[in-house]
Amino acid sequence: MITTPRRRQAASVLLALGVMVPAGACSVANSGPEPSSGAASTVRIVLPEEPPTLEPCDASLTATGRVTRSNITEALTERDPGSGQLQPALATEWKQDSPTEWTFTLRKGVKFHDGTAFDAKAAAFSIDRTVGSKIDCNVDGYVFGGIELTATAVDDSTLRVKTAKPDPILPLRLSFVEIVPATTSTTSKVREAVGTGPYRIAKWDTGRSLRLERFAGYWGKAPDFAAAEYVWRAEGSIRAAMIQSDEADVAVGLAPEDGAGEAAVQFPNNETSYLRIDATKPPLDDIRVRQAISYAIDKEGLVASVFAGLGKPAGQVVPAGVTGHSSAIQPWPYDMAQAKKLIAEAKADGVPTDATITIIGRNGIYPKAAEAMEVVQNSLMEAGLSVKIQMLDVNAWLEYLLAPFPKNAGPTLLQAQHGNQAGDAAFTMGQIYGSKGAQSSYGTEELDGLITEAEQASGEERQAAFAKALEHQNKDVVRDAVLAHMTGILALSKKVTYKPNAATNDEMRLAEMHPAG
């Protein structure tokens, strides 16, 4: 039984605004309805992009989750990004009654932003809406990947969850289910979330700004800032300049050359950049071409030049420290001669290597995203492939990330980034590499079997089984060209203290931001 005290409100460490060694037009100054004399009125945050939605069941999407999770909505459990331990949130404790059944004791006295009470019926409803409905929740594919379960309210403060098959990490999976009122639509997604978190949505001025205000009825400790104002600017240099000119307090997604100066803070953000290969279409359906893509990309050079040394070349999307990471997998070596040889062999066997491959890029997915894809394009063309680039904003890019994918797109390489903040390869393998995964463009029966076997295991067997699946993918499937484990940079004004962590890119908790001094 888990009874660890909740540590959501742990004090942040004061950051010295010196050089840290490892990562427009609209002013949003602190001059709104909050009195300027207040020591903690509004924290101002500038993002690379506007959230595509604040739908709670899509909170596993980076642009949505970093605003929604732990701010507007909460889950039953939460994972501490530092220790990796699972902690109470809206559930105070839980126990496993059998291999397929769990009981959760829920926190009492909690209210939703609309004034209704949180109880076991709302928890069961939220789980069913996220996992059992047909509204294509990203969390469903990302976290649950076809797992069948039933959630039942035993009484107001007791929830029972049954799974069709044993699932040793069910409480961890439920940390991604944001709890919403039972009146929330089950036939369509909502744009704005109603939750139990310390902040509620005050105003979303589409295309301009998003304002959250402190929820007076919050069950826990009130956060220091009465409000948070989000704006978005595509250019990193503009985001950094807003810190310098006192138009923002926190700027995320920066590059070293953006000019944040002494306000810059680098941190390991747990993200891995990669190219998802559509292995269902020629010439990408030939494994030699997929191997050639990985050989042709100079990952060391990419990290050193485009990423300015922030990060390191990677061979797998599951980073060290995550259950299932394989130390046997190394980054593919840069070998242009081998890449050209493989392309020539495929061409000689009738593979249409001259077919145009489209790189589907995403503006702002990480600093210098377009430049990175230009480097990749040049390398692949040198290897003997025909490649063009199409850079998209987040909403258009999501059409390619999530199944069903656009028809008649031709062979594609998707610029993507994956962060496994949950700490277990189950949150990577099924959705990204499974044949029916929400983000998978290709899978095999053998790899599906290895993933299923690993998901049922626990302890050391689970680690070994997932590592085996990753090694098989790397050797016999080659669905991705993995680029680098990334390092993040954000900037802080002298008015705010905040300590970023491995989860910051996906879950930026306003309660961990404090006025300086």
Protein backbone atom coordinates (compact mmCIF):
# COMPACT_ATOMS: atom_id res chain seq x y z
CA MET A 1 0.00 0.00 0.00
CA ILE A 2 1.33 3.44 -0.96
CA THR A 3 1.02 6.14 1.67
CA THR A 4 3.93 8.45 0.85
CA PRO A 5 3.15 12.08 1.80
CA ARG A 6 2.38 14.34 -1.08
CA ARG A 7 5.26 16.60 -2.09
CA ARG A 8 3.74 18.71 -4.83
CA GLN A 9 4.44 21.89 -2.88
CA ALA A 10 8.11 21.14 -2.19
CA ALA A 11 10.09 24.35 -2.07
CA SER A 12 11.99 25.27 -5.21
CA VAL A 13 15.66 26.02 -5.06
CA LEU A 14 16.66 29.64 -5.59
CA LEU A 15 18.47 29.84 -8.91
CA ALA A 16 21.38 32.19 -9.21
CA LEU A 17 20.86 34.05 -12.46
CA GLY A 18 24.42 33.59 -13.61
CA VAL A 19 25.75 31.40 -16.39
CA MET A 20 24.59 27.88 -15.68
CA VAL A 21 26.62 24.97 -16.96
CA PRO A 22 24.75 21.82 -17.96
CA ALA A 23 20.75 23.82 -21.64
CA GLY A 24 6.44 41.18 -30.99
CA ALA A 25 4.36 43.37 -30.17
CA CYS A 26 2.06 42.43 -27.34
CA SER A 27 3.37 43.28 -23.88
CA VAL A 28 2.21 41.18 -20.98
CA ALA A 29 3.71 43.21 -18.15
CA ASN A 30 2.34 42.90 -14.61
CA SER A 31 -0.16 45.70 -15.07
CA GLY A 32 -3.50 43.88 -15.33
CA PRO A 33 -6.21 43.67 -12.73
CA GLU A 34 -3.76 42.49 -10.07
CA PRO A 35 -2.36 45.43 -8.06
CA SER A 36 1.26 46.13 -8.97
CA SER A 37 2.09 46.45 -5.30
CA GLY A 38 1.29 42.76 -4.72
CA ALA A 39 4.43 40.71 -4.12
CA ALA A 40 2.98 37.82 -6.10
CA SER A 41 0.52 38.97 -8.73
CA THR A 42 1.09 37.45 -12.16
CA VAL A 43 3.86 35.25 -13.50
CA ARG A 44 4.35 35.87 -17.22
CA ILE A 45 5.38 32.94 -19.41
CA VAL A 46 6.27 33.00 -23.10
CA LEU A 47 5.99 29.72 -25.03
CA PRO A 48 7.19 28.73 -28.54
CA GLU A 49 3.63 27.95 -29.63
CA GLU A 50 0.01 28.31 -28.58
CA PRO A 51 -1.47 25.16 -27.03
CA PRO A 52 -3.52 23.40 -29.74
CA THR A 53 -6.07 22.54 -27.06
CA LEU A 54 -6.42 22.27 -23.29
CA GLU A 55 -8.40 19.03 -23.60
CA PRO A 56 -7.39 16.98 -20.52
CA CYS A 57 -7.21 13.64 -22.34
CA ASP A 58 -4.64 15.16 -24.73
CA ALA A 59 -2.41 16.37 -21.89
CA SER A 60 0.33 13.92 -22.97
CA LEU A 61 0.99 16.31 -25.88
CA THR A 62 3.82 18.64 -24.88
CA ALA A 63 2.16 21.91 -25.90
CA THR A 64 -1.00 20.99 -23.98
CA GLY A 65 0.49 19.21 -20.98
CA ARG A 66 2.92 21.91 -19.93
CA VAL A 67 -0.03 24.25 -19.37
CA THR A 68 -2.67 21.78 -18.19
CA ARG A 69 -1.04 19.08 -16.06
CA SER A 70 -0.81 19.86 -12.32
CA ASN A 71 -2.00 23.41 -12.99
CA ILE A 72 -5.57 23.15 -14.30
CA THR A 73 -6.11 19.43 -13.89
CA GLU A 74 -4.75 16.71 -11.61
CA ALA A 75 -4.51 12.93 -11.68
CA LEU A 76 -4.94 10.27 -9.02
CA THR A 77 -1.19 9.77 -8.76
CA GLU A 78 1.91 11.67 -9.81
CA ARG A 79 5.54 10.75 -10.42
CA ASP A 80 8.27 12.77 -8.75
CA PRO A 81 10.66 13.67 -11.62
CA GLY A 82 13.66 13.70 -9.30
CA SER A 83 13.27 10.44 -7.41
CA GLY A 84 11.08 8.63 -9.92
CA GLN A 85 8.78 7.59 -7.08
CA LEU A 86 5.01 7.56 -7.48
CA GLN A 87 3.21 9.84 -5.04
CA PRO A 88 -0.36 10.57 -3.97
CA ALA A 89 -2.35 13.27 -5.73
CA LEU A 90 -6.14 12.95 -5.85
CA ALA A 91 -5.71 9.43 -4.48
CA THR A 92 -4.16 9.25 -1.03
CA GLU A 93 -3.25 5.55 -1.18
CA TRP A 94 -3.66 2.44 -3.31
CA LYS A 95 -3.18 -1.28 -3.08
CA GLN A 96 -3.13 -4.25 -5.42
CA ASP A 97 -5.82 -6.76 -4.44
CA SER A 98 -4.95 -9.27 -7.17
CA PRO A 99 -2.85 -9.33 -10.36
CA THR A 100 -5.74 -7.64 -12.20
CA GLU A 101 -7.43 -5.52 -9.51
CA TRP A 102 -6.46 -2.36 -7.65
CA THR A 103 -8.22 -0.27 -5.01
CA PHE A 104 -7.64 3.50 -4.67
CA THR A 105 -8.62 5.59 -1.66
CA LEU A 106 -9.51 9.10 -2.82
CA ARG A 107 -8.88 12.46 -1.24
CA LYS A 108 -11.92 14.00 0.45
CA GLY A 109 -13.09 17.59 0.34
CA VAL A 110 -11.86 18.29 -3.22
CA LYS A 111 -13.87 20.53 -5.55
CA PHE A 112 -13.78 21.03 -9.28
CA HIS A 113 -13.50 24.57 -10.67
CA ASP A 114 -17.24 24.51 -11.43
CA GLY A 115 -18.00 23.88 -7.76
CA THR A 116 -18.98 20.22 -8.06
CA ALA A 117 -17.44 17.65 -5.75
CA PHE A 118 -14.69 15.27 -6.78
CA ASP A 119 -15.54 11.68 -5.91
CA ALA A 120 -15.07 8.12 -7.09
CA LYS A 121 -17.77 8.52 -9.74
CA ALA A 122 -15.85 11.41 -11.30
CA ALA A 123 -12.62 9.39 -11.18
CA ALA A 124 -14.27 6.36 -12.82
CA PHE A 125 -15.87 8.62 -15.42
CA SER A 126 -12.55 10.29 -16.25
CA ILE A 127 -10.78 6.96 -16.68
CA ASP A 128 -13.54 5.64 -18.93
CA ARG A 129 -13.63 8.86 -20.97
CA THR A 130 -9.88 8.75 -21.52
CA VAL A 131 -9.47 5.05 -22.15
CA GLY A 132 -12.87 3.74 -23.16
CA SER A 133 -14.44 6.43 -25.34
CA LYS A 134 -14.12 6.96 -29.08
CA ILE A 135 -12.87 10.56 -29.02
CA ASP A 136 -9.29 9.49 -29.82
CA CYS A 137 -7.57 10.69 -26.66
CA ASN A 138 -3.81 10.96 -27.08
CA VAL A 139 -3.36 9.63 -23.54
CA ASP A 140 -5.22 6.46 -24.53
CA GLY A 141 -2.75 5.54 -27.25
CA TYR A 142 0.31 6.95 -25.51
CA VAL A 143 -0.25 5.47 -22.05
CA PHE A 144 -2.66 2.57 -22.37
CA GLY A 145 -2.15 1.29 -25.91
CA GLY A 146 -5.17 -1.00 -26.10
CA ILE A 147 -5.18 -2.09 -22.46
CA GLU A 148 -8.71 -3.04 -21.37
CA LEU A 149 -9.83 -1.90 -17.94
CA THR A 150 -12.94 -1.13 -15.92
CA ALA A 151 -13.19 1.56 -13.24
CA THR A 152 -15.96 1.34 -10.64
CA ALA A 153 -16.95 3.63 -7.79
CA VAL A 154 -17.33 1.48 -4.66
CA ASP A 155 -18.35 4.51 -2.59
CA ASP A 156 -17.60 8.24 -2.71
CA SER A 157 -13.96 7.82 -1.71
CA THR A 158 -13.13 4.32 -2.97
CA LEU A 159 -12.33 3.41 -6.57
CA ARG A 160 -11.73 -0.08 -7.91
CA VAL A 161 -9.94 -0.63 -11.21
CA LYS A 162 -9.82 -4.00 -12.94
CA THR A 163 -7.67 -4.85 -15.94
CA ALA A 164 -8.25 -7.65 -18.44
CA LYS A 165 -4.61 -8.73 -18.03
CA PRO A 166 -2.13 -8.19 -15.18
CA ASP A 167 -0.67 -4.69 -15.32
CA PRO A 168 2.05 -4.13 -12.70
CA ILE A 169 2.30 -0.38 -13.44
CA LEU A 170 -1.38 0.58 -13.52
CA PRO A 171 -1.01 3.31 -10.80
CA LEU A 172 1.75 4.86 -12.90
CA ARG A 173 -0.43 4.80 -16.02
CA LEU A 174 -3.21 6.52 -14.11
CA SER A 175 -0.88 9.45 -13.39
CA PHE A 176 -1.65 10.49 -16.98
CA VAL A 177 -5.44 10.43 -16.62
CA GLU A 178 -6.50 13.98 -15.81
CA ILE A 179 -9.63 13.98 -13.66
CA VAL A 180 -12.63 15.97 -14.91
CA PRO A 181 -16.27 16.38 -13.83
CA ALA A 182 -18.73 13.67 -14.87
CA THR A 183 -20.60 16.29 -16.91
CA THR A 184 -17.71 16.56 -19.41
CA SER A 185 -18.63 15.56 -22.96
CA THR A 186 -17.94 11.95 -23.96
CA THR A 187 -18.83 12.44 -27.63
CA SER A 188 -16.33 15.18 -28.44
CA LYS A 189 -13.25 16.78 -27.00
CA VAL A 190 -13.43 20.01 -25.04
CA ARG A 191 -11.19 22.96 -25.80
CA GLU A 192 -10.94 24.25 -22.22
CA ALA A 193 -10.47 22.02 -19.21
CA VAL A 194 -12.33 22.06 -15.90
CA GLY A 195 -10.24 20.39 -13.23
CA THR A 196 -9.32 20.34 -9.56
CA GLY A 197 -5.94 22.04 -9.91
CA PRO A 198 -4.62 25.19 -8.20
CA TYR A 199 -5.46 27.31 -11.27
CA ARG A 200 -8.57 27.74 -13.38
CA ILE A 201 -8.88 29.12 -16.91
CA ALA A 202 -9.81 32.81 -16.73
CA LYS A 203 -9.56 33.88 -20.38
CA TRP A 204 -8.20 32.38 -23.57
CA ASP A 205 -7.83 35.03 -26.24
CA THR A 206 -7.08 32.77 -29.20
CA GLY A 207 -3.93 33.71 -31.01
CA ARG A 208 -2.89 36.24 -28.35
CA SER A 209 -2.78 35.04 -24.76
CA LEU A 210 -4.06 32.61 -22.16
CA ARG A 211 -4.69 33.64 -18.55
CA LEU A 212 -5.03 31.29 -15.58
CA GLU A 213 -6.13 32.49 -12.17
CA ARG A 214 -5.67 30.94 -8.76
CA PHE A 215 -8.61 28.71 -7.76
CA ALA A 216 -9.88 29.91 -4.40
CA GLY A 217 -11.42 26.52 -3.63
CA TYR A 218 -8.23 24.53 -4.17
CA TRP A 219 -7.87 21.69 -1.66
CA GLY A 220 -4.09 22.05 -1.25
CA LYS A 221 -1.67 24.85 -0.48
CA ALA A 222 -2.37 27.99 -2.50
CA PRO A 223 0.43 28.76 -5.00
CA ASP A 224 2.35 31.99 -4.61
CA PHE A 225 1.27 33.63 -7.86
CA ALA A 226 -2.34 34.76 -8.12
CA ALA A 227 -2.33 34.35 -11.89
CA ALA A 228 -0.29 33.14 -14.85
CA GLU A 229 -0.30 34.82 -18.24
CA TYR A 230 0.89 32.77 -21.23
CA VAL A 231 1.82 34.26 -24.59
CA TRP A 232 3.63 32.62 -27.49
CA ARG A 233 6.33 33.78 -29.86
CA ALA A 234 7.80 31.52 -32.54
CA GLU A 235 11.28 33.10 -32.54
CA GLY A 236 13.55 32.06 -29.67
CA SER A 237 15.44 35.34 -29.83
CA ILE A 238 12.19 37.22 -29.25
CA ARG A 239 11.31 35.03 -26.27
CA ALA A 240 14.74 35.67 -24.77
CA ALA A 241 14.45 39.41 -25.44
CA MET A 242 11.15 39.50 -23.55
CA ILE A 243 13.01 38.38 -20.44
CA GLN A 244 15.65 41.07 -20.91
CA SER A 245 13.01 43.80 -21.48
CA ASP A 246 10.85 42.70 -18.51
CA GLU A 247 7.94 41.60 -20.69
CA ALA A 248 8.11 38.00 -19.42
CA ASP A 249 9.33 36.12 -16.38
CA VAL A 250 9.83 32.65 -17.90
CA ALA A 251 10.79 31.83 -21.49
CA VAL A 252 11.05 28.23 -22.66
CA GLY A 253 12.47 26.37 -25.67
CA LEU A 254 15.56 28.54 -26.13
CA ALA A 255 18.81 27.98 -28.00
CA PRO A 256 22.23 29.25 -26.85
CA GLU A 257 22.36 31.87 -29.58
CA ASP A 258 18.97 33.35 -28.63
CA GLY A 259 20.66 35.81 -26.29
CA ALA A 260 19.21 35.00 -22.88
CA GLY A 261 22.60 35.71 -21.32
CA GLU A 262 22.81 35.33 -17.55
CA ALA A 263 19.08 34.57 -17.38
CA ALA A 264 19.60 31.24 -19.18
CA VAL A 265 19.23 27.97 -17.27
CA GLN A 266 20.15 24.64 -18.85
CA PHE A 267 18.57 21.35 -17.79
CA PRO A 268 18.22 17.75 -19.05
CA ASN A 269 14.70 17.71 -20.46
CA ASN A 270 14.35 13.93 -21.03
CA GLU A 271 13.51 14.46 -24.71
CA THR A 272 14.93 12.44 -27.59
CA SER A 273 14.77 13.80 -31.13
CA TYR A 274 14.25 11.33 -33.96
CA LEU A 275 12.84 10.83 -37.45
CA ARG A 276 9.88 8.47 -37.72
CA ILE A 277 10.23 6.51 -40.94
CA ASP A 278 7.06 5.53 -42.81
CA ALA A 279 8.23 2.01 -43.59
CA THR A 280 5.02 1.09 -45.38
CA LYS A 281 5.83 3.00 -48.57
CA PRO A 282 8.66 2.60 -51.10
CA PRO A 283 11.50 3.24 -50.99
CA LEU A 284 11.25 3.33 -47.17
CA ASP A 285 9.73 -0.16 -47.05
CA ASP A 286 13.17 -1.57 -47.83
CA ILE A 287 15.23 -2.02 -44.66
CA ARG A 288 18.43 -1.17 -46.52
CA VAL A 289 17.09 2.32 -47.23
CA ARG A 290 16.09 2.76 -43.60
CA GLN A 291 19.54 1.64 -42.48
CA ALA A 292 21.12 4.03 -44.99
CA ILE A 293 19.21 6.96 -43.48
CA SER A 294 20.72 6.28 -40.06
CA TYR A 295 24.22 5.85 -41.50
CA ALA A 296 23.98 9.05 -43.57
CA ILE A 297 23.21 11.43 -40.69
CA ASP A 298 26.23 12.81 -38.85
CA LYS A 299 24.73 12.96 -35.37
CA GLU A 300 27.92 14.17 -33.72
CA GLY A 301 28.09 17.04 -36.18
CA LEU A 302 24.39 17.80 -35.79
CA VAL A 303 24.72 18.09 -32.01
CA ALA A 304 27.92 20.11 -32.22
CA SER A 305 26.71 22.59 -34.82
CA VAL A 306 22.93 22.94 -34.96
CA PHE A 307 22.33 22.05 -31.28
CA ALA A 308 25.43 23.97 -30.15
CA GLY A 309 26.70 21.02 -28.14
CA LEU A 310 23.54 20.74 -26.05
CA GLY A 311 22.68 17.06 -25.92
CA LYS A 312 24.39 13.92 -27.13
CA PRO A 313 23.94 11.52 -30.07
CA ALA A 314 21.36 8.82 -29.36
CA GLY A 315 20.62 5.33 -30.63
CA GLN A 316 17.25 4.73 -28.95
CA VAL A 317 14.27 6.83 -27.90
CA VAL A 318 14.31 5.39 -24.37
CA PRO A 319 17.00 7.30 -22.43
CA ALA A 320 19.15 6.03 -19.57
CA GLY A 321 17.28 5.94 -16.29
CA VAL A 322 14.07 4.67 -17.88
CA THR A 323 13.10 1.04 -17.30
CA GLY A 324 13.86 -0.82 -20.52
CA HIS A 325 16.80 1.29 -21.71
CA SER A 326 19.38 -0.93 -23.38
CA SER A 327 23.04 -0.13 -22.76
CA ALA A 328 23.86 -2.39 -25.72
CA ILE A 329 22.34 0.04 -28.22
CA GLN A 330 24.76 2.71 -29.40
CA PRO A 331 24.11 5.58 -31.83
CA TRP A 332 24.40 4.50 -35.46
CA PRO A 333 27.86 5.52 -36.69
CA TYR A 334 28.19 8.15 -39.37
CA ASP A 335 29.22 6.20 -42.48
CA MET A 336 28.31 7.91 -45.75
CA ALA A 337 30.09 5.27 -47.81
CA GLN A 338 27.94 2.54 -46.27
CA ALA A 339 24.81 4.64 -46.77
CA LYS A 340 25.59 5.08 -50.47
CA LYS A 341 26.34 1.36 -50.81
CA LEU A 342 22.99 0.34 -49.30
CA ILE A 343 21.06 2.80 -51.49
CA ALA A 344 22.85 1.53 -54.59
CA GLU A 345 22.07 -2.09 -53.70
CA ALA A 346 18.42 -1.29 -53.18
CA LYS A 347 18.27 0.62 -56.46
CA ALA A 348 19.86 -2.29 -58.32
CA ASP A 349 17.12 -4.55 -56.96
CA GLY A 350 14.39 -2.30 -58.34
CA VAL A 351 13.61 -0.23 -55.26
CA PRO A 352 12.47 3.26 -56.45
CA THR A 353 15.16 5.18 -54.58
CA ASP A 354 14.48 8.23 -56.75
CA ALA A 355 10.96 8.62 -55.32
CA THR A 356 10.65 11.91 -53.44
CA ILE A 357 10.65 11.52 -49.67
CA THR A 358 9.07 14.36 -47.69
CA ILE A 359 10.43 15.39 -44.32
CA ILE A 360 7.44 16.59 -42.30
CA GLY A 361 8.96 19.07 -39.87
CA ARG A 362 7.42 21.03 -37.02
CA ASN A 363 8.22 24.66 -36.35
CA GLY A 364 9.39 25.16 -32.78
CA ILE A 365 9.56 21.49 -31.80
CA TYR A 366 13.05 22.33 -30.56
CA PRO A 367 15.45 25.22 -31.24
CA LYS A 368 16.65 25.47 -34.85
CA ALA A 369 14.22 22.75 -35.94
CA ALA A 370 14.23 23.83 -39.59
CA GLU A 371 18.03 24.03 -39.71
CA ALA A 372 18.29 20.52 -38.31
CA MET A 373 16.04 19.17 -41.06
CA GLU A 374 18.08 20.99 -43.70
CA VAL A 375 21.18 19.19 -42.44
CA VAL A 376 19.32 15.87 -42.64
CA GLN A 377 18.04 16.66 -46.12
CA ASN A 378 21.52 17.42 -47.43
CA SER A 379 22.91 14.22 -45.93
CA LEU A 380 20.20 12.01 -47.40
CA MET A 381 20.50 13.60 -50.82
CA GLU A 382 24.25 13.00 -50.71
CA ALA A 383 23.52 9.36 -49.96
CA GLY A 384 21.42 9.10 -53.13
CA LEU A 385 17.85 9.83 -52.05
CA SER A 386 15.44 12.52 -53.26
CA VAL A 387 14.23 14.56 -50.28
CA LYS A 388 12.14 17.69 -49.75
CA ILE A 389 11.11 19.48 -46.54
CA GLN A 390 7.67 20.63 -45.43
CA MET A 391 7.70 22.58 -42.15
CA LEU A 392 4.32 22.76 -40.39
CA ASP A 393 2.86 24.41 -37.31
CA VAL A 394 1.78 22.16 -34.46
CA ASN A 395 -1.85 21.59 -35.46
CA ALA A 396 -1.02 20.53 -39.02
CA TRP A 397 1.93 18.46 -37.78
CA LEU A 398 -0.32 16.56 -35.34
CA GLU A 399 -2.22 15.19 -38.34
CA TYR A 400 0.95 13.29 -39.26
CA LEU A 401 1.90 12.34 -35.70
CA LEU A 402 -1.35 10.61 -34.76
CA ALA A 403 -3.16 7.83 -36.61
CA PRO A 404 -5.03 7.80 -38.92
CA PHE A 405 -2.39 9.59 -40.98
CA PRO A 406 -3.12 11.79 -44.04
CA LYS A 407 -3.75 9.78 -47.18
CA ASN A 408 -1.72 10.22 -50.35
CA ALA A 409 1.15 11.82 -48.44
CA GLY A 410 3.73 9.61 -50.11
CA PRO A 411 6.83 8.36 -48.27
CA THR A 412 7.56 10.56 -45.25
CA LEU A 413 10.05 11.13 -42.46
CA LEU A 414 8.40 12.82 -39.49
CA GLN A 415 10.48 15.15 -37.34
CA ALA A 416 9.53 14.08 -33.83
CA GLN A 417 10.60 14.24 -30.22
CA HIS A 418 9.75 11.84 -27.42
CA GLY A 419 10.08 12.35 -23.69
CA ASN A 420 9.46 9.43 -21.36
CA GLN A 421 8.85 11.30 -18.12
CA ALA A 422 6.94 8.33 -16.69
CA GLY A 423 10.16 6.33 -16.46
CA ASP A 424 9.01 3.07 -18.07
CA ALA A 425 9.40 1.86 -21.65
CA ALA A 426 5.75 0.82 -21.70
CA PHE A 427 4.98 4.47 -22.39
CA THR A 428 7.18 4.35 -25.46
CA MET A 429 7.03 0.95 -27.05
CA GLY A 430 3.34 0.29 -27.64
CA GLN A 431 2.37 3.71 -28.93
CA ILE A 432 5.48 4.34 -31.02
CA TYR A 433 6.48 0.86 -32.24
CA GLY A 434 3.39 -1.33 -31.87
CA SER A 435 1.52 -2.21 -35.06
CA LYS A 436 -1.58 -0.43 -33.74
CA GLY A 437 0.20 2.30 -31.79
CA ALA A 438 -1.30 5.78 -31.88
CA GLN A 439 1.97 7.22 -33.22
CA SER A 440 3.23 4.17 -35.09
CA SER A 441 3.72 4.19 -38.85
CA TYR A 442 4.90 0.58 -38.96
CA GLY A 443 5.16 -2.49 -36.77
CA THR A 444 5.83 -6.20 -36.99
CA GLU A 445 4.20 -9.24 -35.42
CA GLU A 446 7.44 -10.28 -33.75
CA LEU A 447 8.03 -6.84 -32.22
CA ASP A 448 4.40 -6.71 -31.04
CA GLY A 449 4.96 -9.99 -29.23
CA LEU A 450 8.11 -8.75 -27.53
CA ILE A 451 6.34 -5.58 -26.39
CA THR A 452 3.40 -7.53 -24.99
CA GLU A 453 5.73 -9.88 -23.13
CA ALA A 454 7.60 -6.95 -21.58
CA GLU A 455 4.40 -5.19 -20.52
CA GLN A 456 3.38 -8.23 -18.47
CA ALA A 457 6.72 -8.54 -16.69
CA SER A 458 7.93 -6.81 -13.54
CA GLY A 459 11.21 -6.07 -11.80
CA GLU A 460 14.43 -7.20 -13.49
CA GLU A 461 12.48 -9.30 -15.97
CA ARG A 462 10.64 -6.19 -17.16
CA GLN A 463 13.92 -4.32 -17.70
CA ALA A 464 15.41 -7.22 -19.67
CA ALA A 465 12.29 -7.79 -21.76
CA PHE A 466 11.93 -4.17 -22.86
CA ALA A 467 15.67 -3.95 -23.61
CA LYS A 468 15.31 -7.04 -25.79
CA ALA A 469 12.40 -5.43 -27.67
CA LEU A 470 14.40 -2.23 -28.22
CA GLU A 471 17.41 -4.19 -29.46
CA HIS A 472 15.22 -6.13 -31.89
CA GLN A 473 13.75 -2.87 -33.19
CA ASN A 474 17.19 -1.37 -33.66
CA LYS A 475 18.59 -4.40 -35.52
CA ASP A 476 15.71 -6.01 -37.41
CA VAL A 477 13.04 -3.32 -37.83
CA VAL A 478 14.85 0.06 -37.98
CA ARG A 479 11.64 2.08 -37.91
CA ASP A 480 13.39 5.27 -36.76
CA ALA A 481 16.48 7.31 -37.31
CA VAL A 482 17.25 8.43 -33.75
CA LEU A 483 19.20 11.67 -33.53
CA ALA A 484 19.97 12.96 -30.02
CA HIS A 485 19.06 13.10 -26.36
CA MET A 486 18.34 16.78 -25.89
CA THR A 487 19.18 19.46 -23.33
CA GLY A 488 16.70 22.24 -22.66
CA ILE A 489 17.21 25.93 -22.01
CA LEU A 490 14.79 28.31 -20.37
CA ALA A 491 15.31 31.84 -19.12
CA LEU A 492 14.14 33.41 -15.87
CA SER A 493 13.68 37.04 -14.95
CA LYS A 494 15.14 38.27 -11.69
CA LYS A 495 11.61 38.40 -10.28
CA VAL A 496 11.04 34.63 -10.31
CA THR A 497 12.74 31.53 -8.94
CA TYR A 498 12.05 28.15 -10.48
CA LYS A 499 14.05 24.94 -10.73
CA PRO A 500 13.39 23.08 -14.00
CA ASN A 501 13.59 19.30 -14.07
CA ALA A 502 13.26 16.37 -16.46
CA ALA A 503 9.48 16.84 -16.62
CA THR A 504 9.51 20.60 -17.26
CA ASN A 505 9.09 20.31 -21.02
CA ASP A 506 5.82 18.38 -20.57
CA GLU A 507 4.60 19.57 -17.17
CA MET A 508 5.60 23.04 -15.98
CA ARG A 509 4.09 23.43 -12.51
CA LEU A 510 3.16 26.98 -11.65
CA ALA A 511 3.06 26.08 -7.95
CA GLU A 512 6.84 25.55 -8.12
CA MET A 513 7.39 29.14 -9.30
CA HIS A 514 7.98 31.72 -6.57
CA PRO A 515 8.63 35.46 -6.38
CA ALA A 516 12.31 36.21 -5.87
CA GLY A 517 13.47 37.94 -2.74
